[in-house]
């Protein structure tokens, strides 16, 4: 898809799952990709497999200074930032609220909410200087309804949905395209953690019930083009058959 050719995308949580798939798919479409993850091993391997248009940056997104440093490094390598994909997220420790561990609960907020905020804040002015850009965030049905033992995850995804809407409210006129993607259940390591918990209906799903991570990755690519324009400040649900058809998923 030529609308990302030559552009630069920063992807958090890029060491596996949706993030890894997005890095590969965007690179195939001609984009420069900066892969961010807490540890460097997997992203260095993936970047090496992608080639010269990929950069691996070890970055803890819960650290505002680390996020800013990653954006500086991306600019130094590729000259600017056009797309941010806020993919990094945790669901562990899964627990009922009354017995939850405050430190673990707070860590999820640090990564799932603050990490998204830090990324958004760091790229908005950079994108505006380039005439605009796209800020895409992974949302969830958990943003809109309670799920047993997921108080931290539901709260974080609801907050991220509102962050996306706030960016759209404040920056759409400046060329910033803020959109959320609710992919449904995806065959990633997170689903293995959910399955192991044995709590709530999501943990009862079979592996074959989940979509492959390439599907949301392809949708994220589609969202960077004109197809995403009808969803600015909103959230796209990949469970929607019309969306799947528009993206070209079978």
C-alpha atoms as a PDB file:
ATOM      1  CA  UNK A   1       0.000   0.000   0.000  1.00  0.00           C
ATOM      2  CA  UNK A   2       1.784   3.074  -1.267  1.00  0.00           C
ATOM      3  CA  UNK A   3       0.417   5.472   1.356  1.00  0.00           C
ATOM      4  CA  UNK A   4       3.046   4.310   3.876  1.00  0.00           C
ATOM      5  CA  UNK A   5       5.952   3.950   1.434  1.00  0.00           C
ATOM      6  CA  UNK A   6       8.861   6.048   2.644  1.00  0.00           C
ATOM      7  CA  UNK A   7       7.112   6.936   5.902  1.00  0.00           C
ATOM      8  CA  UNK A   8       8.378   6.052   9.360  1.00  0.00           C
ATOM      9  CA  UNK A   9       6.359   4.098  11.897  1.00  0.00           C
ATOM     10  CA  UNK A  10       7.198   3.556  15.573  1.00  0.00           C
ATOM     11  CA  UNK A  11       5.727   0.346  17.022  1.00  0.00           C
ATOM     12  CA  UNK A  12       5.730  -0.377  20.748  1.00  0.00           C
ATOM     13  CA  UNK A  13       5.590  -3.947  22.006  1.00  0.00           C
ATOM     14  CA  UNK A  14       7.206  -5.034  18.748  1.00  0.00           C
ATOM     15  CA  UNK A  15       8.969  -8.184  19.973  1.00  0.00           C
ATOM     16  CA  UNK A  16       6.072 -10.532  19.242  1.00  0.00           C
ATOM     17  CA  UNK A  17       2.394 -10.823  18.364  1.00  0.00           C
ATOM     18  CA  UNK A  18       0.627  -7.887  16.755  1.00  0.00           C
ATOM     19  CA  UNK A  19       3.674  -5.632  17.104  1.00  0.00           C
ATOM     20  CA  UNK A  20       6.028  -8.003  15.312  1.00  0.00           C
ATOM     21  CA  UNK A  21       3.476  -8.665  12.578  1.00  0.00           C
ATOM     22  CA  UNK A  22       2.895  -4.930  12.117  1.00  0.00           C
ATOM     23  CA  UNK A  23       6.641  -4.289  11.801  1.00  0.00           C
ATOM     24  CA  UNK A  24       6.961  -6.876   9.055  1.00  0.00           C
ATOM     25  CA  UNK A  25       3.820  -5.825   7.187  1.00  0.00           C
ATOM     26  CA  UNK A  26       4.592  -2.096   7.284  1.00  0.00           C
ATOM     27  CA  UNK A  27       8.164  -2.768   6.144  1.00  0.00           C
ATOM     28  CA  UNK A  28       6.862  -4.868   3.256  1.00  0.00           C
ATOM     29  CA  UNK A  29       4.698  -1.900   2.287  1.00  0.00           C
ATOM     30  CA  UNK A  30       7.780   0.306   2.065  1.00  0.00           C
ATOM     31  CA  UNK A  31       7.797   1.985   5.481  1.00  0.00           C
ATOM     32  CA  UNK A  32      10.728   2.511   7.807  1.00  0.00           C
ATOM     33  CA  UNK A  33       9.991   0.760  11.104  1.00  0.00           C
ATOM     34  CA  UNK A  34      11.296   1.431  14.612  1.00  0.00           C
ATOM     35  CA  UNK A  35      10.665  -1.585  16.835  1.00  0.00           C
ATOM     36  CA  UNK A  36      10.391  -0.822  20.562  1.00  0.00           C
ATOM     37  CA  UNK A  37      10.318  -3.405  23.364  1.00  0.00           C
ATOM     38  CA  UNK A  38      11.627  -3.668  26.921  1.00  0.00           C
ATOM     39  CA  UNK A  39      14.451  -6.026  25.947  1.00  0.00           C
ATOM     40  CA  UNK A  40      16.514  -5.879  22.794  1.00  0.00           C
ATOM     41  CA  UNK A  41      17.018  -9.547  21.856  1.00  0.00           C
ATOM     42  CA  UNK A  42      13.870 -10.305  19.873  1.00  0.00           C
ATOM     43  CA  UNK A  43      13.521  -6.901  18.253  1.00  0.00           C
ATOM     44  CA  UNK A  44      17.145  -6.951  17.116  1.00  0.00           C
ATOM     45  CA  UNK A  45      16.540 -10.324  15.481  1.00  0.00           C
ATOM     46  CA  UNK A  46      13.335  -9.126  13.824  1.00  0.00           C
ATOM     47  CA  UNK A  47      14.936  -5.879  12.659  1.00  0.00           C
ATOM     48  CA  UNK A  48      17.843  -7.861  11.236  1.00  0.00           C
ATOM     49  CA  UNK A  49      15.433 -10.037   9.282  1.00  0.00           C
ATOM     50  CA  UNK A  50      13.566  -7.001   7.955  1.00  0.00           C
ATOM     51  CA  UNK A  51      16.680  -5.173   6.826  1.00  0.00           C
ATOM     52  CA  UNK A  52      18.049  -1.649   6.574  1.00  0.00           C
ATOM     53  CA  UNK A  53      14.681   0.034   6.954  1.00  0.00           C
ATOM     54  CA  UNK A  54      14.240  -1.363  10.489  1.00  0.00           C
ATOM     55  CA  UNK A  55      15.646  -0.102  13.791  1.00  0.00           C
ATOM     56  CA  UNK A  56      15.491  -1.928  17.147  1.00  0.00           C
ATOM     57  CA  UNK A  57      15.307   0.243  20.278  1.00  0.00           C
ATOM     58  CA  UNK A  58      15.148  -1.191  23.800  1.00  0.00           C
ATOM     59  CA  UNK A  59      12.559   0.978  25.554  1.00  0.00           C
ATOM     60  CA  UNK A  60      10.403   0.663  28.657  1.00  0.00           C
ATOM     61  CA  UNK A  61       7.306   2.619  27.652  1.00  0.00           C
ATOM     62  CA  UNK A  62       6.442   3.256  31.304  1.00  0.00           C
ATOM     63  CA  UNK A  63       9.519   5.537  31.425  1.00  0.00           C
ATOM     64  CA  UNK A  64       8.783   8.924  29.836  1.00  0.00           C
ATOM     65  CA  UNK A  65      12.455   9.741  29.293  1.00  0.00           C
ATOM     66  CA  UNK A  66      13.060   6.374  27.617  1.00  0.00           C
ATOM     67  CA  UNK A  67      10.132   6.967  25.258  1.00  0.00           C
ATOM     68  CA  UNK A  68      11.435  10.407  24.331  1.00  0.00           C
ATOM     69  CA  UNK A  69      14.910   8.982  23.747  1.00  0.00           C
ATOM     70  CA  UNK A  70      13.435   6.332  21.434  1.00  0.00           C
ATOM     71  CA  UNK A  71      11.723   9.015  19.366  1.00  0.00           C
ATOM     72  CA  UNK A  72      14.981  10.979  19.138  1.00  0.00           C
ATOM     73  CA  UNK A  73      16.808   7.845  17.972  1.00  0.00           C
ATOM     74  CA  UNK A  74      14.115   7.152  15.378  1.00  0.00           C
ATOM     75  CA  UNK A  75      14.371  10.691  14.008  1.00  0.00           C
ATOM     76  CA  UNK A  76      18.146  10.440  13.880  1.00  0.00           C
ATOM     77  CA  UNK A  77      17.914   7.241  11.820  1.00  0.00           C
ATOM     78  CA  UNK A  78      14.988   8.021   9.519  1.00  0.00           C
ATOM     79  CA  UNK A  79      14.512  11.793   9.648  1.00  0.00           C
ATOM     80  CA  UNK A  80      11.087  11.943  11.269  1.00  0.00           C
ATOM     81  CA  UNK A  81       8.063  10.053  12.576  1.00  0.00           C
ATOM     82  CA  UNK A  82       4.804   9.711  10.649  1.00  0.00           C
ATOM     83  CA  UNK A  83       2.963   6.896  12.433  1.00  0.00           C
ATOM     84  CA  UNK A  84       2.862   5.686  16.040  1.00  0.00           C
ATOM     85  CA  UNK A  85       1.331   2.316  16.878  1.00  0.00           C
ATOM     86  CA  UNK A  86       0.673   2.056  20.623  1.00  0.00           C
ATOM     87  CA  UNK A  87       0.696  -1.724  20.909  1.00  0.00           C
ATOM     88  CA  UNK A  88       2.603  -2.480  24.128  1.00  0.00           C
ATOM     89  CA  UNK A  89       0.324  -3.828  26.835  1.00  0.00           C
ATOM     90  CA  UNK A  90       0.034  -6.194  29.786  1.00  0.00           C
ATOM     91  CA  UNK A  91      -2.819  -8.198  31.269  1.00  0.00           C
ATOM     92  CA  UNK A  92      -0.954  -9.992  34.055  1.00  0.00           C
ATOM     93  CA  UNK A  93      -1.493 -10.235  36.982  1.00  0.00           C
ATOM     94  CA  UNK A  94      -5.074 -11.391  36.338  1.00  0.00           C
ATOM     95  CA  UNK A  95      -6.933 -11.181  39.627  1.00  0.00           C
ATOM     96  CA  UNK A  96     -10.202 -10.227  41.223  1.00  0.00           C
ATOM     97  CA  UNK A  97     -10.037  -6.638  42.392  1.00  0.00           C
ATOM     98  CA  UNK A  98     -10.419  -7.446  46.108  1.00  0.00           C
ATOM     99  CA  UNK A  99      -7.388  -9.753  46.089  1.00  0.00           C
ATOM    100  CA  UNK A 100      -5.316  -7.818  43.538  1.00  0.00           C
ATOM    101  CA  UNK A 101      -1.712  -6.835  44.159  1.00  0.00           C
ATOM    102  CA  UNK A 102      -1.449  -3.021  44.127  1.00  0.00           C
ATOM    103  CA  UNK A 103       2.046  -3.068  42.626  1.00  0.00           C
ATOM    104  CA  UNK A 104       1.055  -5.430  39.813  1.00  0.00           C
ATOM    105  CA  UNK A 105      -2.196  -3.540  39.203  1.00  0.00           C
ATOM    106  CA  UNK A 106      -0.270  -0.284  38.994  1.00  0.00           C
ATOM    107  CA  UNK A 107       2.334  -1.711  36.611  1.00  0.00           C
ATOM    108  CA  UNK A 108      -0.415  -2.474  34.108  1.00  0.00           C
ATOM    109  CA  UNK A 109      -1.575   1.138  34.332  1.00  0.00           C
ATOM    110  CA  UNK A 110       2.026   2.348  33.948  1.00  0.00           C
ATOM    111  CA  UNK A 111       2.441   0.441  30.678  1.00  0.00           C
ATOM    112  CA  UNK A 112      -1.073   0.311  29.228  1.00  0.00           C
ATOM    113  CA  UNK A 113      -2.049   3.926  30.008  1.00  0.00           C
ATOM    114  CA  UNK A 114       1.025   5.984  30.842  1.00  0.00           C
ATOM    115  CA  UNK A 115       3.014   4.270  28.097  1.00  0.00           C
ATOM    116  CA  UNK A 116       0.401   5.282  25.538  1.00  0.00           C
ATOM    117  CA  UNK A 117       0.260   8.820  26.908  1.00  0.00           C
ATOM    118  CA  UNK A 118       4.050   9.186  26.817  1.00  0.00           C
ATOM    119  CA  UNK A 119       4.153   8.036  23.197  1.00  0.00           C
ATOM    120  CA  UNK A 120       1.341  10.328  22.128  1.00  0.00           C
ATOM    121  CA  UNK A 121       2.823  13.310  23.898  1.00  0.00           C
ATOM    122  CA  UNK A 122       6.247  12.681  22.398  1.00  0.00           C
ATOM    123  CA  UNK A 123       5.125  12.444  18.767  1.00  0.00           C
ATOM    124  CA  UNK A 124       2.356  15.035  18.432  1.00  0.00           C
ATOM    125  CA  UNK A 125       4.569  18.094  17.940  1.00  0.00           C
ATOM    126  CA  UNK A 126       6.967  16.094  15.768  1.00  0.00           C
ATOM    127  CA  UNK A 127       4.114  15.045  13.503  1.00  0.00           C
ATOM    128  CA  UNK A 128       2.642  18.528  13.333  1.00  0.00           C
ATOM    129  CA  UNK A 129       5.959  19.889  12.050  1.00  0.00           C
ATOM    130  CA  UNK A 130       5.717  17.319   9.224  1.00  0.00           C
ATOM    131  CA  UNK A 131       2.147  18.303   8.391  1.00  0.00           C
ATOM    132  CA  UNK A 132       0.422  15.514  10.317  1.00  0.00           C
ATOM    133  CA  UNK A 133       0.557  11.837  11.107  1.00  0.00           C
ATOM    134  CA  UNK A 134      -1.342   8.840  12.430  1.00  0.00           C
ATOM    135  CA  UNK A 135      -1.543   7.723  16.073  1.00  0.00           C
ATOM    136  CA  UNK A 136      -3.037   4.229  16.239  1.00  0.00           C
ATOM    137  CA  UNK A 137      -3.805   2.475  19.507  1.00  0.00           C
ATOM    138  CA  UNK A 138      -4.780  -1.095  20.322  1.00  0.00           C
ATOM    139  CA  UNK A 139      -8.066  -1.053  22.182  1.00  0.00           C
ATOM    140  CA  UNK A 140     -10.344  -3.871  23.319  1.00  0.00           C
ATOM    141  CA  UNK A 141     -13.928  -4.765  24.036  1.00  0.00           C
ATOM    142  CA  UNK A 142     -12.709  -4.500  27.639  1.00  0.00           C
ATOM    143  CA  UNK A 143     -12.678  -0.718  27.154  1.00  0.00           C
ATOM    144  CA  UNK A 144     -16.465  -0.728  27.031  1.00  0.00           C
ATOM    145  CA  UNK A 145     -17.616  -3.461  29.407  1.00  0.00           C
ATOM    146  CA  UNK A 146     -16.421  -5.074  32.651  1.00  0.00           C
ATOM    147  CA  UNK A 147     -14.709  -8.468  32.556  1.00  0.00           C
ATOM    148  CA  UNK A 148     -14.215 -10.572  35.661  1.00  0.00           C
ATOM    149  CA  UNK A 149     -10.679 -10.317  37.126  1.00  0.00           C
ATOM    150  CA  UNK A 150      -9.634  -7.740  34.543  1.00  0.00           C
ATOM    151  CA  UNK A 151     -10.251  -4.525  36.495  1.00  0.00           C
ATOM    152  CA  UNK A 152      -6.767  -3.256  35.644  1.00  0.00           C
ATOM    153  CA  UNK A 153      -7.029  -4.159  31.960  1.00  0.00           C
ATOM    154  CA  UNK A 154     -10.584  -2.833  31.520  1.00  0.00           C
ATOM    155  CA  UNK A 155      -9.693   0.416  33.281  1.00  0.00           C
ATOM    156  CA  UNK A 156      -6.547   0.822  31.174  1.00  0.00           C
ATOM    157  CA  UNK A 157      -8.290   0.215  27.861  1.00  0.00           C
ATOM    158  CA  UNK A 158     -11.142   2.567  28.770  1.00  0.00           C
ATOM    159  CA  UNK A 159      -8.549   5.234  29.572  1.00  0.00           C
ATOM    160  CA  UNK A 160      -6.727   4.657  26.276  1.00  0.00           C
ATOM    161  CA  UNK A 161      -9.983   4.973  24.351  1.00  0.00           C
ATOM    162  CA  UNK A 162     -10.469   8.390  25.953  1.00  0.00           C
ATOM    163  CA  UNK A 163      -6.860   9.400  25.246  1.00  0.00           C
ATOM    164  CA  UNK A 164      -7.460   8.640  21.569  1.00  0.00           C
ATOM    165  CA  UNK A 165     -10.594  10.749  21.587  1.00  0.00           C
ATOM    166  CA  UNK A 166      -8.777  13.599  23.340  1.00  0.00           C
ATOM    167  CA  UNK A 167      -5.977  13.611  20.780  1.00  0.00           C
ATOM    168  CA  UNK A 168      -8.565  13.734  18.014  1.00  0.00           C
ATOM    169  CA  UNK A 169     -10.419  16.600  19.721  1.00  0.00           C
ATOM    170  CA  UNK A 170      -7.254  18.639  20.169  1.00  0.00           C
ATOM    171  CA  UNK A 171      -5.201  17.808  17.097  1.00  0.00           C
ATOM    172  CA  UNK A 172      -7.366  16.699  14.167  1.00  0.00           C
ATOM    173  CA  UNK A 173      -7.245  20.174  12.669  1.00  0.00           C
ATOM    174  CA  UNK A 174      -3.451  19.910  12.806  1.00  0.00           C
ATOM    175  CA  UNK A 175      -3.413  16.797  10.651  1.00  0.00           C
ATOM    176  CA  UNK A 176      -3.163  14.228  13.466  1.00  0.00           C
ATOM    177  CA  UNK A 177      -5.255  11.116  12.784  1.00  0.00           C
ATOM    178  CA  UNK A 178      -6.034   9.322  16.066  1.00  0.00           C
ATOM    179  CA  UNK A 179      -7.822   5.966  15.759  1.00  0.00           C
ATOM    180  CA  UNK A 180      -8.272   2.932  17.999  1.00  0.00           C
ATOM    181  CA  UNK A 181      -8.397  -0.694  16.872  1.00  0.00           C
ATOM    182  CA  UNK A 182     -10.306  -3.313  18.822  1.00  0.00           C
ATOM    183  CA  UNK A 183      -9.017  -6.548  17.258  1.00  0.00           C
ATOM    184  CA  UNK A 184     -11.020  -9.102  19.227  1.00  0.00           C
ATOM    185  CA  UNK A 185      -9.137 -12.092  20.591  1.00  0.00           C
ATOM    186  CA  UNK A 186      -5.783 -12.653  18.897  1.00  0.00           C
ATOM    187  CA  UNK A 187      -3.511 -15.699  18.982  1.00  0.00           C
ATOM    188  CA  UNK A 188      -0.678 -14.138  21.015  1.00  0.00           C
ATOM    189  CA  UNK A 189       1.174 -14.789  24.260  1.00  0.00           C
ATOM    190  CA  UNK A 190      -1.421 -12.696  26.087  1.00  0.00           C
ATOM    191  CA  UNK A 191      -4.076 -15.262  25.201  1.00  0.00           C
ATOM    192  CA  UNK A 192      -1.877 -17.994  26.687  1.00  0.00           C
ATOM    193  CA  UNK A 193      -1.763 -16.004  29.936  1.00  0.00           C
ATOM    194  CA  UNK A 194      -5.528 -15.534  29.843  1.00  0.00           C
ATOM    195  CA  UNK A 195      -6.053 -19.243  29.193  1.00  0.00           C
ATOM    196  CA  UNK A 196      -3.798 -20.188  32.102  1.00  0.00           C
ATOM    197  CA  UNK A 197      -5.795 -18.015  34.513  1.00  0.00           C
ATOM    198  CA  UNK A 198      -8.950 -20.085  34.021  1.00  0.00           C
ATOM    199  CA  UNK A 199     -11.008 -17.037  35.007  1.00  0.00           C
ATOM    200  CA  UNK A 200     -13.900 -15.572  32.964  1.00  0.00           C
ATOM    201  CA  UNK A 201     -15.310 -16.735  29.622  1.00  0.00           C
ATOM    202  CA  UNK A 202     -12.365 -15.479  27.558  1.00  0.00           C
ATOM    203  CA  UNK A 203     -10.086 -18.030  29.238  1.00  0.00           C
ATOM    204  CA  UNK A 204     -12.401 -20.819  28.090  1.00  0.00           C
ATOM    205  CA  UNK A 205     -11.886 -20.072  24.392  1.00  0.00           C
ATOM    206  CA  UNK A 206      -9.911 -22.514  22.274  1.00  0.00           C
ATOM    207  CA  UNK A 207      -6.756 -21.416  20.433  1.00  0.00           C
ATOM    208  CA  UNK A 208      -8.581 -21.901  17.136  1.00  0.00           C
ATOM    209  CA  UNK A 209     -11.134 -19.262  18.209  1.00  0.00           C
ATOM    210  CA  UNK A 210      -8.511 -16.495  18.004  1.00  0.00           C
ATOM    211  CA  UNK A 211      -7.542 -14.603  14.861  1.00  0.00           C
ATOM    212  CA  UNK A 212      -3.880 -14.541  13.716  1.00  0.00           C
ATOM    213  CA  UNK A 213      -1.843 -11.424  14.640  1.00  0.00           C
ATOM    214  CA  UNK A 214      -1.358 -10.664  10.949  1.00  0.00           C
ATOM    215  CA  UNK A 215      -5.020  -9.637  10.718  1.00  0.00           C
ATOM    216  CA  UNK A 216      -4.871  -6.657  13.094  1.00  0.00           C
ATOM    217  CA  UNK A 217      -1.471  -5.769  11.621  1.00  0.00           C
ATOM    218  CA  UNK A 218      -2.989  -5.576   8.143  1.00  0.00           C
ATOM    219  CA  UNK A 219      -5.877  -3.527   9.541  1.00  0.00           C
ATOM    220  CA  UNK A 220      -3.437  -1.067  11.121  1.00  0.00           C
ATOM    221  CA  UNK A 221      -1.832  -0.616   7.703  1.00  0.00           C
ATOM    222  CA  UNK A 222      -5.255  -0.036   6.136  1.00  0.00           C
ATOM    223  CA  UNK A 223      -6.073   2.510   8.858  1.00  0.00           C
ATOM    224  CA  UNK A 224      -3.157   4.661   7.681  1.00  0.00           C
ATOM    225  CA  UNK A 225      -4.861   5.152   4.331  1.00  0.00           C
ATOM    226  CA  UNK A 226      -8.150   6.740   3.292  1.00  0.00           C
ATOM    227  CA  UNK A 227     -10.124   3.820   4.717  1.00  0.00           C
ATOM    228  CA  UNK A 228      -9.315   5.018   8.206  1.00  0.00           C
ATOM    229  CA  UNK A 229     -10.564   8.554   7.637  1.00  0.00           C
ATOM    230  CA  UNK A 230     -14.145   7.675   8.550  1.00  0.00           C
ATOM    231  CA  UNK A 231     -12.958   6.493  11.979  1.00  0.00           C
ATOM    232  CA  UNK A 232     -10.960   9.464  13.265  1.00  0.00           C
ATOM    233  CA  UNK A 233     -11.371   9.793  17.024  1.00  0.00           C
ATOM    234  CA  UNK A 234     -13.253   6.510  17.036  1.00  0.00           C
ATOM    235  CA  UNK A 235     -12.561   2.817  17.325  1.00  0.00           C
ATOM    236  CA  UNK A 236     -12.575   0.156  14.615  1.00  0.00           C
ATOM    237  CA  UNK A 237     -13.796  -3.320  15.593  1.00  0.00           C
ATOM    238  CA  UNK A 238     -12.111  -6.066  13.614  1.00  0.00           C
ATOM    239  CA  UNK A 239     -15.020  -8.371  14.441  1.00  0.00           C
ATOM    240  CA  UNK A 240     -17.050  -6.286  11.953  1.00  0.00           C
ATOM    241  CA  UNK A 241     -17.311  -8.299   8.741  1.00  0.00           C
ATOM    242  CA  UNK A 242     -17.506  -5.122   6.665  1.00  0.00           C
ATOM    243  CA  UNK A 243     -14.182  -3.967   8.098  1.00  0.00           C
ATOM    244  CA  UNK A 244     -12.627  -7.360   7.405  1.00  0.00           C
ATOM    245  CA  UNK A 245     -13.786  -7.162   3.799  1.00  0.00           C
ATOM    246  CA  UNK A 246     -12.461  -3.615   3.412  1.00  0.00           C
ATOM    247  CA  UNK A 247      -9.072  -4.671   4.771  1.00  0.00           C
ATOM    248  CA  UNK A 248      -9.040  -7.746   2.526  1.00  0.00           C
ATOM    249  CA  UNK A 249      -9.157 -10.385   5.258  1.00  0.00           C
ATOM    250  CA  UNK A 250     -10.747 -13.762   4.731  1.00  0.00           C
END
